[in-house]
């Protein structure tokens, strides 16, 4: 599974209170772009995001059922099926 453009786009969805998330999957995947999700996160939180910062955002602000992002939903469905299969 490879997120498009990066998994940080999913985190931006959470930071945006799960609004207008589909368009985030079309952000630039090139890290030099000003529209790269990592750079947008940095602007939103006022500091360079660390792994710990990103984990905290996911833990405190993400509601996977509210994330209207096709690539994320595919990831979620596949992950759930793998987890279910491992328990049977």
Protein backbone atom coordinates (compact mmCIF):
# COMPACT_ATOMS: atom_id res chain seq x y z
CA UNK A 1 0.00 0.00 0.00
CA UNK A 2 1.43 3.35 -1.03
CA UNK A 3 -0.51 6.48 0.02
CA UNK A 4 -1.02 9.15 -2.61
CA UNK A 5 0.78 11.52 -2.39
CA UNK A 6 2.01 10.59 1.11
CA UNK A 7 0.48 9.48 4.37
CA UNK A 8 0.85 13.08 5.57
CA UNK A 9 -2.09 13.92 3.31
CA UNK A 10 -4.17 11.72 5.60
CA UNK A 11 -2.90 13.67 8.62
CA UNK A 12 -3.84 16.93 6.89
CA UNK A 13 -7.36 15.57 6.61
CA UNK A 14 -7.42 15.19 10.39
CA UNK A 15 -5.98 18.66 10.95
CA UNK A 16 -8.71 20.06 8.68
CA UNK A 17 -11.39 18.43 10.83
CA UNK A 18 -12.07 15.92 8.07
CA UNK A 19 -13.34 18.59 5.63
CA UNK A 20 -12.51 18.58 1.89
CA UNK A 21 -10.21 15.58 2.25
CA UNK A 22 -10.57 14.13 -1.26
CA UNK A 23 -8.62 17.02 -2.77
CA UNK A 24 -5.70 16.32 -0.42
CA UNK A 25 -4.96 13.10 -2.32
CA UNK A 26 -4.02 15.31 -5.29
CA UNK A 27 -1.35 17.32 -3.49
CA UNK A 28 2.21 17.25 -4.79
CA UNK A 29 4.24 14.19 -3.86
CA UNK A 30 7.47 15.99 -4.70
CA UNK A 31 9.10 17.14 -1.44
CA UNK A 32 10.48 20.30 -3.07
CA UNK A 33 6.99 21.56 -3.85
CA UNK A 34 5.39 24.16 -1.59
CA UNK A 35 2.24 22.02 -1.85
CA UNK A 36 3.85 18.93 -0.35
CA UNK A 37 1.77 17.72 2.64
CA UNK A 38 4.73 17.88 5.04
CA UNK A 39 5.22 21.57 4.26
CA UNK A 40 1.51 22.30 4.69
CA UNK A 41 1.49 20.50 8.05
CA UNK A 42 4.48 22.56 9.11
CA UNK A 43 2.61 25.78 8.23
CA UNK A 44 -0.50 24.62 10.11
CA UNK A 45 1.25 23.59 13.33
CA UNK A 46 4.01 26.21 13.26
CA UNK A 47 6.92 23.80 13.51
CA UNK A 48 8.60 21.04 11.55
CA UNK A 49 6.56 17.91 12.22
CA UNK A 50 8.38 15.11 13.99
CA UNK A 51 7.23 11.50 14.14
CA UNK A 52 6.05 12.17 17.69
CA UNK A 53 4.05 15.22 16.55
CA UNK A 54 2.40 13.27 13.74
CA UNK A 55 1.52 10.40 16.08
CA UNK A 56 -0.03 12.87 18.52
CA UNK A 57 -2.14 14.42 15.74
CA UNK A 58 -3.33 10.98 14.63
CA UNK A 59 -4.08 9.93 18.20
CA UNK A 60 -5.94 13.11 19.19
CA UNK A 61 -7.56 14.36 15.99
CA UNK A 62 -8.09 11.55 13.49
CA UNK A 63 -11.43 9.83 13.10
CA UNK A 64 -10.92 7.24 10.35
CA UNK A 65 -14.64 6.82 9.70
CA UNK A 66 -14.89 10.52 8.78
CA UNK A 67 -11.98 10.50 6.32
CA UNK A 68 -13.51 10.78 2.85
CA UNK A 69 -10.39 9.81 0.93
CA UNK A 70 -10.63 6.92 -1.55
CA UNK A 71 -7.02 5.77 -1.13
CA UNK A 72 -7.30 5.91 2.66
CA UNK A 73 -10.60 4.01 2.59
CA UNK A 74 -9.02 1.29 0.40
CA UNK A 75 -6.12 1.04 2.85
CA UNK A 76 -8.52 0.83 5.80
CA UNK A 77 -10.63 -1.90 4.18
CA UNK A 78 -7.55 -3.95 3.28
CA UNK A 79 -6.07 -3.55 6.75
CA UNK A 80 -9.33 -4.61 8.40
CA UNK A 81 -9.57 -7.71 6.19
CA UNK A 82 -5.99 -8.71 7.05
CA UNK A 83 -6.64 -8.25 10.75
CA UNK A 84 -9.87 -10.28 10.58
CA UNK A 85 -8.15 -13.03 8.61
CA UNK A 86 -5.37 -13.30 11.17
CA UNK A 87 -7.87 -13.94 13.96
CA UNK A 88 -9.60 -16.88 12.23
